[in-house]
Amino acid sequence: MLERALAYLEEKHTCPHCNTELSLCHAPPMHVGDGLGWGSEFLFICLNNECSLFTKGWEYIETQYGHVGSYRYMEIPNSKESYNMMVAGESAFTGSVVDVEALKQQNARYKSEKEAVAKLDTCVEARDLGPVLFLLTDNAANITDRKRAASLLPAINDLSCIEALRNHDFSNTQLEQDINLAINKILANHFLRECPYCAELIKSRAKVCKHCSKEVV
């Protein structure tokens, strides 16, 4: 969907009623005419309130149907289909314009996610924690890939992952449990544990935390 939207943003479509460039908008969930859907996540729509179709539509709809409303010109991407779509007010579709910068950021995040997933095959051998941490701390990443990344933590055996993971809010409780188990294995590999008071790492056999001086059981 991201690639399609970015490709559509490069296209130029013009309203035949006012010669204004059409705006790329997110399509409404249902086709206003038949309820079957548009067949596209995006629509090109004229949002010019001075468009002749829009300005003349108010009187036409009131006269013909006795309702308040007008029309906006719309085209479906990758199709020769176009419609004069009935709308209820001037704000219609103005809130559904595709946010170009947000879309580019989302696309950049998606590409980084795919790059991180591709590196999972070699990250243990390379002792490369980077792609694993990226996936685990990206709540938008695919959950299957994130769980796979969590399973690699003990093999990478890098203590530097602990703070980043402990300070992240995980929306998936099962993933969080997997990560906690992985952290415990890493700590055990290094004969360490976390102080229950200050959270600093101390030796497993320590009786007093060297950081906060509290007695630990």
N, C-alpha and C. Protein backbone atom coordinates (compact mmCIF):
# COMPACT_ATOMS: atom_id res chain seq x y z
N MET A 1 0.82 -1.20 0.00
CA MET A 1 0.00 0.00 0.00
C MET A 1 0.86 1.26 0.00
N LEU A 2 1.96 1.23 0.76
CA LEU A 2 2.84 2.39 0.82
C LEU A 2 3.43 2.71 -0.53
N GLU A 3 3.91 1.65 -1.21
CA GLU A 3 4.53 1.86 -2.51
C GLU A 3 3.52 2.44 -3.50
N ARG A 4 2.28 1.92 -3.44
CA ARG A 4 1.25 2.41 -4.35
C ARG A 4 0.94 3.88 -4.09
N ALA A 5 0.80 4.23 -2.82
CA ALA A 5 0.47 5.61 -2.48
C ALA A 5 1.57 6.56 -2.94
N LEU A 6 2.83 6.18 -2.70
CA LEU A 6 3.94 7.03 -3.12
C LEU A 6 3.98 7.16 -4.64
N ALA A 7 3.64 6.08 -5.34
CA ALA A 7 3.61 6.14 -6.80
C ALA A 7 2.49 7.06 -7.27
N TYR A 8 1.34 6.98 -6.61
CA TYR A 8 0.21 7.84 -6.97
C TYR A 8 0.54 9.31 -6.76
N LEU A 9 1.36 9.60 -5.74
CA LEU A 9 1.70 10.99 -5.45
C LEU A 9 2.51 11.63 -6.58
N GLU A 10 3.13 10.79 -7.39
CA GLU A 10 3.90 11.29 -8.53
C GLU A 10 2.99 11.60 -9.72
N GLU A 11 1.78 11.07 -9.68
CA GLU A 11 0.85 11.29 -10.79
C GLU A 11 0.15 12.64 -10.66
N LYS A 12 -0.23 13.22 -11.78
CA LYS A 12 -0.95 14.48 -11.81
C LYS A 12 -2.31 14.27 -12.48
N HIS A 13 -3.37 14.54 -11.73
CA HIS A 13 -4.73 14.43 -12.24
C HIS A 13 -5.42 15.78 -12.07
N THR A 14 -6.18 16.18 -13.06
CA THR A 14 -6.80 17.50 -13.06
C THR A 14 -8.32 17.39 -13.17
N CYS A 15 -9.00 18.22 -12.42
CA CYS A 15 -10.46 18.25 -12.47
C CYS A 15 -10.92 18.87 -13.79
N PRO A 16 -11.79 18.22 -14.54
CA PRO A 16 -12.26 18.77 -15.82
C PRO A 16 -13.21 19.96 -15.66
N HIS A 17 -13.68 20.20 -14.44
CA HIS A 17 -14.62 21.29 -14.20
C HIS A 17 -13.93 22.60 -13.81
N CYS A 18 -12.73 22.50 -13.21
CA CYS A 18 -12.07 23.73 -12.75
C CYS A 18 -10.57 23.74 -13.04
N ASN A 19 -10.03 22.65 -13.61
CA ASN A 19 -8.60 22.53 -13.94
C ASN A 19 -7.70 22.55 -12.71
N THR A 20 -8.27 22.29 -11.54
CA THR A 20 -7.47 22.20 -10.32
C THR A 20 -6.89 20.80 -10.19
N GLU A 21 -5.64 20.71 -9.71
CA GLU A 21 -5.04 19.40 -9.52
C GLU A 21 -5.80 18.64 -8.43
N LEU A 22 -6.10 17.38 -8.70
CA LEU A 22 -6.82 16.56 -7.74
C LEU A 22 -5.92 16.16 -6.58
N SER A 23 -6.51 16.02 -5.41
CA SER A 23 -5.78 15.62 -4.21
C SER A 23 -5.89 14.11 -4.01
N LEU A 24 -4.80 13.49 -3.59
CA LEU A 24 -4.83 12.06 -3.28
C LEU A 24 -5.39 11.90 -1.87
N CYS A 25 -6.49 11.16 -1.76
CA CYS A 25 -7.18 10.99 -0.47
C CYS A 25 -7.33 9.52 -0.15
N HIS A 26 -7.46 9.22 1.13
CA HIS A 26 -7.79 7.86 1.56
C HIS A 26 -9.25 7.61 1.19
N ALA A 27 -9.53 6.47 0.60
CA ALA A 27 -10.89 6.15 0.20
C ALA A 27 -11.75 5.84 1.42
N PRO A 28 -13.02 6.23 1.40
CA PRO A 28 -13.93 5.85 2.49
C PRO A 28 -14.10 4.34 2.48
N PRO A 29 -14.47 3.74 3.61
CA PRO A 29 -14.55 2.28 3.68
C PRO A 29 -15.61 1.66 2.77
N MET A 30 -16.66 2.41 2.45
CA MET A 30 -17.73 1.86 1.62
C MET A 30 -18.03 2.79 0.45
N HIS A 31 -18.39 2.21 -0.66
CA HIS A 31 -18.83 2.98 -1.82
C HIS A 31 -20.17 3.62 -1.46
N VAL A 32 -20.25 4.95 -1.60
CA VAL A 32 -21.47 5.64 -1.20
C VAL A 32 -22.66 5.23 -2.07
N GLY A 33 -22.40 4.66 -3.23
CA GLY A 33 -23.49 4.31 -4.12
C GLY A 33 -24.05 2.92 -3.86
N ASP A 34 -23.15 1.90 -3.83
CA ASP A 34 -23.66 0.54 -3.74
C ASP A 34 -23.15 -0.24 -2.54
N GLY A 35 -22.26 0.37 -1.75
CA GLY A 35 -21.77 -0.30 -0.55
C GLY A 35 -20.82 -1.45 -0.80
N LEU A 36 -20.29 -1.57 -2.02
CA LEU A 36 -19.42 -2.69 -2.36
C LEU A 36 -17.94 -2.35 -2.26
N GLY A 37 -17.63 -1.10 -2.00
CA GLY A 37 -16.23 -0.70 -1.94
C GLY A 37 -15.76 -0.10 -3.24
N TRP A 38 -14.65 0.65 -3.17
CA TRP A 38 -14.14 1.35 -4.36
C TRP A 38 -13.17 0.50 -5.16
N GLY A 39 -12.61 -0.52 -4.54
CA GLY A 39 -11.59 -1.30 -5.24
C GLY A 39 -10.23 -0.65 -5.19
N SER A 40 -10.07 0.37 -4.35
CA SER A 40 -8.80 1.08 -4.21
C SER A 40 -8.75 1.70 -2.81
N GLU A 41 -7.53 1.74 -2.24
CA GLU A 41 -7.37 2.38 -0.93
C GLU A 41 -7.34 3.90 -1.05
N PHE A 42 -7.13 4.39 -2.28
CA PHE A 42 -6.97 5.82 -2.49
C PHE A 42 -7.87 6.31 -3.63
N LEU A 43 -8.19 7.59 -3.56
CA LEU A 43 -8.98 8.24 -4.61
C LEU A 43 -8.36 9.60 -4.92
N PHE A 44 -8.46 10.02 -6.16
CA PHE A 44 -8.09 11.39 -6.54
C PHE A 44 -9.37 12.23 -6.51
N ILE A 45 -9.38 13.29 -5.69
CA ILE A 45 -10.60 14.07 -5.48
C ILE A 45 -10.32 15.56 -5.64
N CYS A 46 -11.25 16.28 -6.27
CA CYS A 46 -11.15 17.73 -6.36
C CYS A 46 -11.68 18.33 -5.06
N LEU A 47 -10.82 19.03 -4.35
CA LEU A 47 -11.20 19.65 -3.08
C LEU A 47 -11.34 21.17 -3.20
N ASN A 48 -11.41 21.65 -4.44
CA ASN A 48 -11.56 23.08 -4.69
C ASN A 48 -13.02 23.49 -4.45
N ASN A 49 -13.25 24.29 -3.42
CA ASN A 49 -14.61 24.73 -3.11
C ASN A 49 -15.15 25.75 -4.11
N GLU A 50 -14.28 26.24 -5.01
CA GLU A 50 -14.72 27.15 -6.06
C GLU A 50 -14.99 26.41 -7.36
N CYS A 51 -14.82 25.10 -7.35
CA CYS A 51 -15.08 24.30 -8.55
C CYS A 51 -16.53 24.47 -8.97
N SER A 52 -16.76 24.61 -10.27
CA SER A 52 -18.13 24.83 -10.76
C SER A 52 -19.05 23.67 -10.43
N LEU A 53 -18.52 22.44 -10.47
CA LEU A 53 -19.35 21.28 -10.10
C LEU A 53 -19.81 21.39 -8.66
N PHE A 54 -18.89 21.82 -7.79
CA PHE A 54 -19.19 21.91 -6.36
C PHE A 54 -20.15 23.07 -6.08
N THR A 55 -19.89 24.23 -6.68
CA THR A 55 -20.72 25.41 -6.38
C THR A 55 -22.13 25.27 -6.94
N LYS A 56 -22.28 24.65 -8.10
CA LYS A 56 -23.61 24.51 -8.72
C LYS A 56 -24.38 23.31 -8.14
N GLY A 57 -23.64 22.41 -7.53
CA GLY A 57 -24.27 21.20 -7.03
C GLY A 57 -25.25 21.42 -5.90
N TRP A 58 -25.04 22.47 -5.11
CA TRP A 58 -25.92 22.72 -3.96
C TRP A 58 -27.36 22.96 -4.42
N GLU A 59 -27.49 23.83 -5.38
CA GLU A 59 -28.83 24.16 -5.86
C GLU A 59 -29.48 22.95 -6.57
N TYR A 60 -28.65 22.22 -7.31
CA TYR A 60 -29.19 21.07 -8.06
C TYR A 60 -29.74 20.02 -7.10
N ILE A 61 -28.97 19.68 -6.07
CA ILE A 61 -29.41 18.63 -5.14
C ILE A 61 -30.63 19.08 -4.34
N GLU A 62 -30.65 20.35 -3.96
CA GLU A 62 -31.80 20.85 -3.22
C GLU A 62 -33.06 20.80 -4.09
N THR A 63 -32.90 21.17 -5.36
CA THR A 63 -34.06 21.19 -6.27
C THR A 63 -34.53 19.77 -6.61
N GLN A 64 -33.57 18.88 -6.88
CA GLN A 64 -33.91 17.53 -7.33
C GLN A 64 -34.31 16.59 -6.19
N TYR A 65 -33.62 16.74 -5.04
CA TYR A 65 -33.81 15.76 -3.97
C TYR A 65 -34.32 16.35 -2.66
N GLY A 66 -34.29 17.67 -2.56
CA GLY A 66 -34.73 18.30 -1.33
C GLY A 66 -33.78 18.11 -0.18
N HIS A 67 -32.50 17.87 -0.49
CA HIS A 67 -31.48 17.66 0.55
C HIS A 67 -30.40 18.74 0.43
N VAL A 68 -29.62 18.87 1.51
CA VAL A 68 -28.45 19.75 1.48
C VAL A 68 -27.25 18.93 1.07
N GLY A 69 -26.59 19.35 0.02
CA GLY A 69 -25.42 18.61 -0.45
C GLY A 69 -24.93 19.16 -1.76
N SER A 70 -23.81 18.59 -2.23
CA SER A 70 -23.26 18.99 -3.52
C SER A 70 -22.46 17.83 -4.08
N TYR A 71 -21.56 18.12 -5.05
CA TYR A 71 -20.76 17.07 -5.68
C TYR A 71 -19.29 17.46 -5.69
N ARG A 72 -18.45 16.46 -5.56
CA ARG A 72 -17.02 16.64 -5.80
C ARG A 72 -16.62 15.64 -6.89
N TYR A 73 -15.73 16.10 -7.78
CA TYR A 73 -15.25 15.24 -8.85
C TYR A 73 -14.21 14.28 -8.29
N MET A 74 -14.28 13.01 -8.73
CA MET A 74 -13.38 11.98 -8.19
C MET A 74 -12.96 11.00 -9.29
N GLU A 75 -11.70 10.57 -9.21
CA GLU A 75 -11.19 9.53 -10.12
C GLU A 75 -10.58 8.40 -9.30
N ILE A 76 -10.72 7.17 -9.81
CA ILE A 76 -10.12 6.01 -9.16
C ILE A 76 -8.76 5.73 -9.80
N PRO A 77 -7.68 5.61 -9.02
CA PRO A 77 -6.35 5.35 -9.58
C PRO A 77 -6.32 4.07 -10.43
N ASN A 78 -5.45 4.07 -11.43
CA ASN A 78 -5.29 2.91 -12.32
C ASN A 78 -6.61 2.49 -12.96
N SER A 79 -7.44 3.46 -13.23
CA SER A 79 -8.74 3.17 -13.82
C SER A 79 -9.20 4.38 -14.62
N LYS A 80 -10.07 4.13 -15.58
CA LYS A 80 -10.66 5.22 -16.34
C LYS A 80 -11.97 5.69 -15.71
N GLU A 81 -12.28 5.13 -14.53
CA GLU A 81 -13.53 5.48 -13.87
C GLU A 81 -13.44 6.83 -13.18
N SER A 82 -14.47 7.63 -13.33
CA SER A 82 -14.57 8.90 -12.62
C SER A 82 -16.03 9.09 -12.21
N TYR A 83 -16.22 9.84 -11.12
CA TYR A 83 -17.56 10.03 -10.60
C TYR A 83 -17.74 11.48 -10.14
N ASN A 84 -18.99 11.93 -10.17
CA ASN A 84 -19.36 13.14 -9.46
C ASN A 84 -19.99 12.65 -8.15
N MET A 85 -19.20 12.70 -7.11
CA MET A 85 -19.58 12.08 -5.86
C MET A 85 -20.35 13.04 -4.96
N MET A 86 -21.51 12.62 -4.48
CA MET A 86 -22.33 13.46 -3.63
C MET A 86 -21.68 13.60 -2.26
N VAL A 87 -21.63 14.83 -1.75
CA VAL A 87 -21.08 15.12 -0.43
C VAL A 87 -22.05 15.98 0.35
N ALA A 88 -21.91 15.94 1.67
CA ALA A 88 -22.88 16.63 2.52
C ALA A 88 -22.45 18.03 2.93
N GLY A 89 -21.15 18.34 2.79
CA GLY A 89 -20.69 19.65 3.23
C GLY A 89 -19.34 20.02 2.66
N GLU A 90 -18.89 21.23 2.95
CA GLU A 90 -17.62 21.73 2.41
C GLU A 90 -16.41 20.98 2.95
N SER A 91 -16.56 20.39 4.14
CA SER A 91 -15.42 19.70 4.74
C SER A 91 -15.24 18.28 4.22
N ALA A 92 -16.14 17.84 3.35
CA ALA A 92 -16.08 16.46 2.86
C ALA A 92 -14.73 16.13 2.24
N PHE A 93 -14.08 15.11 2.75
CA PHE A 93 -12.80 14.56 2.27
C PHE A 93 -11.59 15.44 2.59
N THR A 94 -11.81 16.64 3.14
CA THR A 94 -10.65 17.49 3.45
C THR A 94 -9.78 16.88 4.55
N GLY A 95 -10.38 16.03 5.38
CA GLY A 95 -9.62 15.39 6.44
C GLY A 95 -9.01 14.06 6.04
N SER A 96 -9.22 13.66 4.80
CA SER A 96 -8.71 12.35 4.37
C SER A 96 -7.56 12.48 3.36
N VAL A 97 -7.06 13.70 3.19
CA VAL A 97 -5.93 13.91 2.26
C VAL A 97 -4.71 13.14 2.77
N VAL A 98 -4.04 12.45 1.89
CA VAL A 98 -2.87 11.66 2.27
C VAL A 98 -1.76 12.60 2.75
N ASP A 99 -1.25 12.35 3.95
CA ASP A 99 -0.16 13.13 4.52
C ASP A 99 1.15 12.63 3.91
N VAL A 100 1.71 13.40 3.02
CA VAL A 100 2.89 12.98 2.26
C VAL A 100 4.07 12.69 3.18
N GLU A 101 4.36 13.60 4.11
CA GLU A 101 5.52 13.43 5.00
C GLU A 101 5.33 12.22 5.91
N ALA A 102 4.12 12.05 6.44
CA ALA A 102 3.85 10.89 7.30
C ALA A 102 4.00 9.60 6.51
N LEU A 103 3.56 9.63 5.26
CA LEU A 103 3.66 8.45 4.41
C LEU A 103 5.12 8.12 4.11
N LYS A 104 5.92 9.14 3.87
CA LYS A 104 7.34 8.91 3.60
C LYS A 104 8.04 8.35 4.83
N GLN A 105 7.67 8.85 6.01
CA GLN A 105 8.27 8.33 7.24
C GLN A 105 7.86 6.89 7.47
N GLN A 106 6.61 6.60 7.20
CA GLN A 106 6.12 5.23 7.34
C GLN A 106 6.83 4.31 6.37
N ASN A 107 7.07 4.79 5.17
CA ASN A 107 7.75 3.99 4.16
C ASN A 107 9.21 3.74 4.56
N ALA A 108 9.85 4.78 5.14
CA ALA A 108 11.23 4.63 5.59
C ALA A 108 11.31 3.60 6.72
N ARG A 109 10.32 3.64 7.64
CA ARG A 109 10.30 2.68 8.74
C ARG A 109 10.11 1.27 8.20
N TYR A 110 9.24 1.13 7.21
CA TYR A 110 8.97 -0.18 6.61
C TYR A 110 10.23 -0.75 5.96
N LYS A 111 10.96 0.10 5.24
CA LYS A 111 12.19 -0.36 4.59
C LYS A 111 13.23 -0.77 5.64
N SER A 112 13.33 0.01 6.72
CA SER A 112 14.28 -0.33 7.79
C SER A 112 13.90 -1.66 8.44
N GLU A 113 12.61 -1.88 8.59
CA GLU A 113 12.14 -3.15 9.16
C GLU A 113 12.56 -4.32 8.28
N LYS A 114 12.37 -4.20 6.97
CA LYS A 114 12.73 -5.28 6.05
C LYS A 114 14.24 -5.52 6.05
N GLU A 115 15.01 -4.46 6.16
CA GLU A 115 16.47 -4.61 6.21
C GLU A 115 16.89 -5.34 7.48
N ALA A 116 16.23 -5.01 8.60
CA ALA A 116 16.54 -5.67 9.86
C ALA A 116 16.18 -7.15 9.81
N VAL A 117 15.03 -7.47 9.23
CA VAL A 117 14.61 -8.87 9.10
C VAL A 117 15.61 -9.66 8.27
N ALA A 118 16.09 -9.05 7.20
CA ALA A 118 17.05 -9.73 6.32
C ALA A 118 18.36 -10.04 7.05
N LYS A 119 18.70 -9.23 8.04
CA LYS A 119 19.96 -9.42 8.78
C LYS A 119 19.85 -10.43 9.91
N LEU A 120 18.64 -10.89 10.22
CA LEU A 120 18.48 -11.84 11.32
C LEU A 120 19.21 -13.15 11.05
N ASP A 121 19.34 -13.52 9.78
CA ASP A 121 20.00 -14.78 9.43
C ASP A 121 21.48 -14.80 9.81
N THR A 122 22.09 -13.64 9.87
CA THR A 122 23.54 -13.59 10.13
C THR A 122 23.90 -12.85 11.41
N CYS A 123 22.90 -12.33 12.13
CA CYS A 123 23.22 -11.47 13.27
C CYS A 123 23.86 -12.23 14.44
N VAL A 124 23.55 -13.52 14.61
CA VAL A 124 24.15 -14.30 15.70
C VAL A 124 25.63 -14.52 15.41
N GLU A 125 25.93 -14.96 14.21
CA GLU A 125 27.33 -15.19 13.84
C GLU A 125 28.13 -13.89 13.89
N ALA A 126 27.51 -12.78 13.49
CA ALA A 126 28.20 -11.49 13.48
C ALA A 126 28.14 -10.80 14.83
N ARG A 127 27.40 -11.38 15.78
CA ARG A 127 27.18 -10.75 17.09
C ARG A 127 26.64 -9.32 16.90
N ASP A 128 25.70 -9.22 15.97
CA ASP A 128 25.13 -7.92 15.61
C ASP A 128 23.78 -7.76 16.30
N LEU A 129 23.75 -6.97 17.36
CA LEU A 129 22.53 -6.78 18.14
C LEU A 129 21.58 -5.79 17.47
N GLY A 130 22.10 -4.94 16.57
CA GLY A 130 21.33 -3.85 15.99
C GLY A 130 19.99 -4.25 15.39
N PRO A 131 19.95 -5.18 14.42
CA PRO A 131 18.67 -5.53 13.82
C PRO A 131 17.69 -6.16 14.80
N VAL A 132 18.20 -6.88 15.78
CA VAL A 132 17.33 -7.50 16.78
C VAL A 132 16.67 -6.44 17.64
N LEU A 133 17.46 -5.49 18.11
CA LEU A 133 16.90 -4.40 18.93
C LEU A 133 15.93 -3.55 18.13
N PHE A 134 16.25 -3.31 16.87
CA PHE A 134 15.34 -2.50 16.04
C PHE A 134 13.97 -3.13 15.98
N LEU A 135 13.92 -4.43 15.70
CA LEU A 135 12.63 -5.11 15.56
C LEU A 135 11.90 -5.20 16.90
N LEU A 136 12.63 -5.47 17.96
CA LEU A 136 11.98 -5.63 19.26
C LEU A 136 11.42 -4.32 19.80
N THR A 137 12.03 -3.21 19.45
CA THR A 137 11.56 -1.92 19.97
C THR A 137 10.68 -1.17 18.97
N ASP A 138 10.35 -1.84 17.88
CA ASP A 138 9.44 -1.25 16.89
C ASP A 138 8.10 -1.96 17.00
N ASN A 139 7.15 -1.37 17.69
CA ASN A 139 5.86 -2.01 17.92
C ASN A 139 5.05 -2.20 16.64
N ALA A 140 5.45 -1.52 15.56
CA ALA A 140 4.73 -1.66 14.29
C ALA A 140 5.27 -2.80 13.44
N ALA A 141 6.39 -3.39 13.86
CA ALA A 141 6.99 -4.47 13.08
C ALA A 141 6.15 -5.75 13.18
N ASN A 142 6.33 -6.63 12.22
CA ASN A 142 5.61 -7.89 12.18
C ASN A 142 5.90 -8.70 13.45
N ILE A 143 4.86 -9.20 14.12
CA ILE A 143 5.04 -9.87 15.41
C ILE A 143 5.82 -11.17 15.26
N THR A 144 5.65 -11.87 14.15
CA THR A 144 6.42 -13.10 13.94
C THR A 144 7.90 -12.82 13.86
N ASP A 145 8.28 -11.76 13.17
CA ASP A 145 9.69 -11.37 13.06
C ASP A 145 10.21 -10.91 14.41
N ARG A 146 9.38 -10.23 15.18
CA ARG A 146 9.81 -9.76 16.50
C ARG A 146 10.06 -10.93 17.45
N LYS A 147 9.20 -11.94 17.39
CA LYS A 147 9.38 -13.12 18.24
C LYS A 147 10.64 -13.88 17.83
N ARG A 148 10.90 -13.93 16.55
CA ARG A 148 12.14 -14.57 16.09
C ARG A 148 13.35 -13.81 16.61
N ALA A 149 13.28 -12.48 16.56
CA ALA A 149 14.38 -11.66 17.06
C ALA A 149 14.61 -11.92 18.55
N ALA A 150 13.53 -12.04 19.31
CA ALA A 150 13.65 -12.30 20.75
C ALA A 150 14.35 -13.63 21.01
N SER A 151 14.06 -14.61 20.17
CA SER A 151 14.66 -15.93 20.35
C SER A 151 16.17 -15.93 20.12
N LEU A 152 16.67 -14.91 19.41
CA LEU A 152 18.11 -14.83 19.11
C LEU A 152 18.91 -14.12 20.20
N LEU A 153 18.23 -13.48 21.11
CA LEU A 153 18.94 -12.71 22.15
C LEU A 153 19.93 -13.54 22.96
N PRO A 154 19.55 -14.71 23.48
CA PRO A 154 20.52 -15.49 24.27
C PRO A 154 21.76 -15.88 23.49
N ALA A 155 21.59 -16.19 22.20
CA ALA A 155 22.73 -16.60 21.38
C ALA A 155 23.68 -15.43 21.13
N ILE A 156 23.14 -14.23 20.96
CA ILE A 156 23.98 -13.05 20.78
C ILE A 156 24.67 -12.70 22.10
N ASN A 157 23.92 -12.88 23.21
CA ASN A 157 24.51 -12.81 24.55
C ASN A 157 25.17 -11.47 24.85
N ASP A 158 24.45 -10.38 24.51
CA ASP A 158 24.99 -9.03 24.68
C ASP A 158 24.23 -8.31 25.79
N LEU A 159 24.93 -7.98 26.86
CA LEU A 159 24.30 -7.33 28.00
C LEU A 159 23.75 -5.95 27.67
N SER A 160 24.25 -5.33 26.62
CA SER A 160 23.83 -3.97 26.29
C SER A 160 22.38 -3.89 25.83
N CYS A 161 21.77 -5.04 25.58
CA CYS A 161 20.38 -5.03 25.14
C CYS A 161 19.42 -4.78 26.29
N ILE A 162 19.86 -5.03 27.52
CA ILE A 162 18.94 -5.06 28.66
C ILE A 162 18.27 -3.71 28.92
N GLU A 163 19.06 -2.65 28.98
CA GLU A 163 18.47 -1.34 29.29
C GLU A 163 17.47 -0.90 28.23
N ALA A 164 17.82 -1.11 26.98
CA ALA A 164 16.92 -0.70 25.89
C ALA A 164 15.60 -1.45 25.97
N LEU A 165 15.66 -2.74 26.30
CA LEU A 165 14.45 -3.55 26.36
C LEU A 165 13.65 -3.31 27.63
N ARG A 166 14.33 -3.08 28.73
CA ARG A 166 13.63 -2.82 29.99
C ARG A 166 12.90 -1.47 29.95
N ASN A 167 13.39 -0.55 29.15
CA ASN A 167 12.78 0.78 29.09
C ASN A 167 11.77 0.93 27.95
N HIS A 168 11.45 -0.17 27.28
CA HIS A 168 10.49 -0.12 26.18
C HIS A 168 9.15 -0.66 26.64
N ASP A 169 8.06 -0.03 26.19
CA ASP A 169 6.71 -0.50 26.50
C ASP A 169 6.25 -1.43 25.38
N PHE A 170 6.03 -2.67 25.73
CA PHE A 170 5.60 -3.67 24.75
C PHE A 170 4.09 -3.83 24.82
N SER A 171 3.45 -3.76 23.66
CA SER A 171 2.01 -3.91 23.60
C SER A 171 1.59 -5.38 23.55
N ASN A 172 2.54 -6.25 23.22
CA ASN A 172 2.26 -7.68 23.13
C ASN A 172 2.83 -8.37 24.37
N THR A 173 1.96 -8.88 25.23
CA THR A 173 2.42 -9.47 26.49
C THR A 173 3.22 -10.75 26.30
N GLN A 174 2.87 -11.54 25.29
CA GLN A 174 3.62 -12.77 25.04
C GLN A 174 5.04 -12.46 24.61
N LEU A 175 5.19 -11.45 23.75
CA LEU A 175 6.52 -11.04 23.32
C LEU A 175 7.32 -10.54 24.52
N GLU A 176 6.68 -9.77 25.38
CA GLU A 176 7.37 -9.25 26.57
C GLU A 176 7.85 -10.39 27.46
N GLN A 177 7.03 -11.43 27.59
CA GLN A 177 7.45 -12.59 28.38
C GLN A 177 8.64 -13.29 27.75
N ASP A 178 8.61 -13.43 26.42
CA ASP A 178 9.74 -14.05 25.72
C ASP A 178 11.02 -13.26 25.94
N ILE A 179 10.91 -11.95 25.92
CA ILE A 179 12.08 -11.10 26.11
C ILE A 179 12.59 -11.20 27.54
N ASN A 180 11.70 -11.24 28.49
CA ASN A 180 12.12 -11.38 29.89
C ASN A 180 12.87 -12.69 30.11
N LEU A 181 12.39 -13.77 29.51
CA LEU A 181 13.08 -15.05 29.61
C LEU A 181 14.45 -14.98 28.96
N ALA A 182 14.52 -14.30 27.82
CA ALA A 182 15.80 -14.17 27.12
C ALA A 182 16.79 -13.37 27.95
N ILE A 183 16.32 -12.30 28.57
CA ILE A 183 17.20 -11.48 29.42
C ILE A 183 17.72 -12.29 30.60
N ASN A 184 16.85 -13.09 31.20
CA ASN A 184 17.28 -13.94 32.33
C ASN A 184 18.37 -14.92 31.91
N LYS A 185 18.26 -15.44 30.69
CA LYS A 185 19.28 -16.36 30.19
C LYS A 185 20.61 -15.63 29.97
N ILE A 186 20.53 -14.41 29.44
CA ILE A 186 21.76 -13.63 29.21
C ILE A 186 22.44 -13.32 30.54
N LEU A 187 21.64 -12.92 31.52
CA LEU A 187 22.20 -12.62 32.84
C LEU A 187 22.85 -13.87 33.44
N ALA A 188 22.18 -15.01 33.30
CA ALA A 188 22.73 -16.25 33.84
C ALA A 188 24.04 -16.61 33.14
N ASN A 189 24.12 -16.35 31.85
CA ASN A 189 25.35 -16.63 31.10
C ASN A 189 26.53 -15.83 31.63
N HIS A 190 26.23 -14.65 32.18
CA HIS A 190 27.29 -13.77 32.70
C HIS A 190 27.37 -13.82 34.23
N PHE A 191 26.63 -14.73 34.85
CA PHE A 191 26.61 -14.86 36.31
C PHE A 191 26.23 -13.54 36.97
N LEU A 192 25.22 -12.90 36.40
CA LEU A 192 24.75 -11.61 36.91
C LEU A 192 23.26 -11.65 37.19
N ARG A 193 22.78 -10.64 37.90
CA ARG A 193 21.35 -10.44 38.12
C ARG A 193 21.11 -8.95 38.26
N GLU A 194 19.85 -8.56 38.25
CA GLU A 194 19.48 -7.16 38.40
C GLU A 194 19.13 -6.87 39.85
N CYS A 195 19.67 -5.79 40.38
CA CYS A 195 19.33 -5.39 41.74
C CYS A 195 17.84 -5.05 41.78
N PRO A 196 17.08 -5.62 42.73
CA PRO A 196 15.64 -5.34 42.80
C PRO A 196 15.32 -3.92 43.23
N TYR A 197 16.34 -3.17 43.70
CA TYR A 197 16.10 -1.81 44.18
C TYR A 197 16.50 -0.76 43.15
N CYS A 198 17.69 -0.88 42.59
CA CYS A 198 18.17 0.15 41.66
C CYS A 198 18.27 -0.33 40.22
N ALA A 199 18.02 -1.62 39.99
CA ALA A 199 18.01 -2.23 38.66
C ALA A 199 19.39 -2.33 38.01
N GLU A 200 20.45 -1.98 38.72
CA GLU A 200 21.79 -2.14 38.18
C GLU A 200 22.19 -3.61 38.20
N LEU A 201 23.14 -3.97 37.36
CA LEU A 201 23.60 -5.35 37.30
C LEU A 201 24.63 -5.62 38.39
N ILE A 202 24.41 -6.74 39.07
CA ILE A 202 25.35 -7.14 40.13
C ILE A 202 25.65 -8.63 39.99
N LYS A 203 26.68 -9.11 40.68
CA LYS A 203 27.01 -10.53 40.62
C LYS A 203 25.89 -11.36 41.25
N SER A 204 25.69 -12.54 40.71
CA SER A 204 24.61 -13.40 41.20
C SER A 204 24.78 -13.74 42.67
N ARG A 205 26.03 -13.86 43.15
CA ARG A 205 26.28 -14.26 44.54
C ARG A 205 26.43 -13.08 45.49
N ALA A 206 26.22 -11.87 44.97
CA ALA A 206 26.37 -10.69 45.83
C ALA A 206 25.28 -10.65 46.89
N LYS A 207 25.62 -10.22 48.08
CA LYS A 207 24.66 -10.05 49.18
C LYS A 207 24.27 -8.59 49.36
N VAL A 208 25.14 -7.69 48.89
CA VAL A 208 24.88 -6.24 48.98
C VAL A 208 25.13 -5.64 47.60
N CYS A 209 24.21 -4.79 47.16
CA CYS A 209 24.38 -4.15 45.85
C CYS A 209 25.50 -3.12 45.93
N LYS A 210 26.44 -3.22 45.01
CA LYS A 210 27.57 -2.27 45.00
C LYS A 210 27.16 -0.90 44.52
N HIS A 211 25.98 -0.76 43.96
CA HIS A 211 25.52 0.52 43.42
C HIS A 211 24.69 1.31 44.43
N CYS A 212 23.75 0.63 45.11
CA CYS A 212 22.86 1.34 46.03
C CYS A 212 23.06 0.93 47.49
N SER A 213 23.95 -0.05 47.70
CA SER A 213 24.30 -0.52 49.06
C SER A 213 23.16 -1.20 49.80
N LYS A 214 22.10 -1.58 49.07
CA LYS A 214 21.00 -2.30 49.71
C LYS A 214 21.35 -3.79 49.78
N GLU A 215 20.87 -4.42 50.84
CA GLU A 215 21.04 -5.87 50.96
C GLU A 215 20.10 -6.56 49.99
N VAL A 216 20.63 -7.55 49.31
CA VAL A 216 19.82 -8.29 48.33
C VAL A 216 19.82 -9.76 48.71
N VAL A 217 18.72 -10.39 48.54
CA VAL A 217 18.60 -11.80 48.91
C VAL A 217 19.12 -12.67 47.77
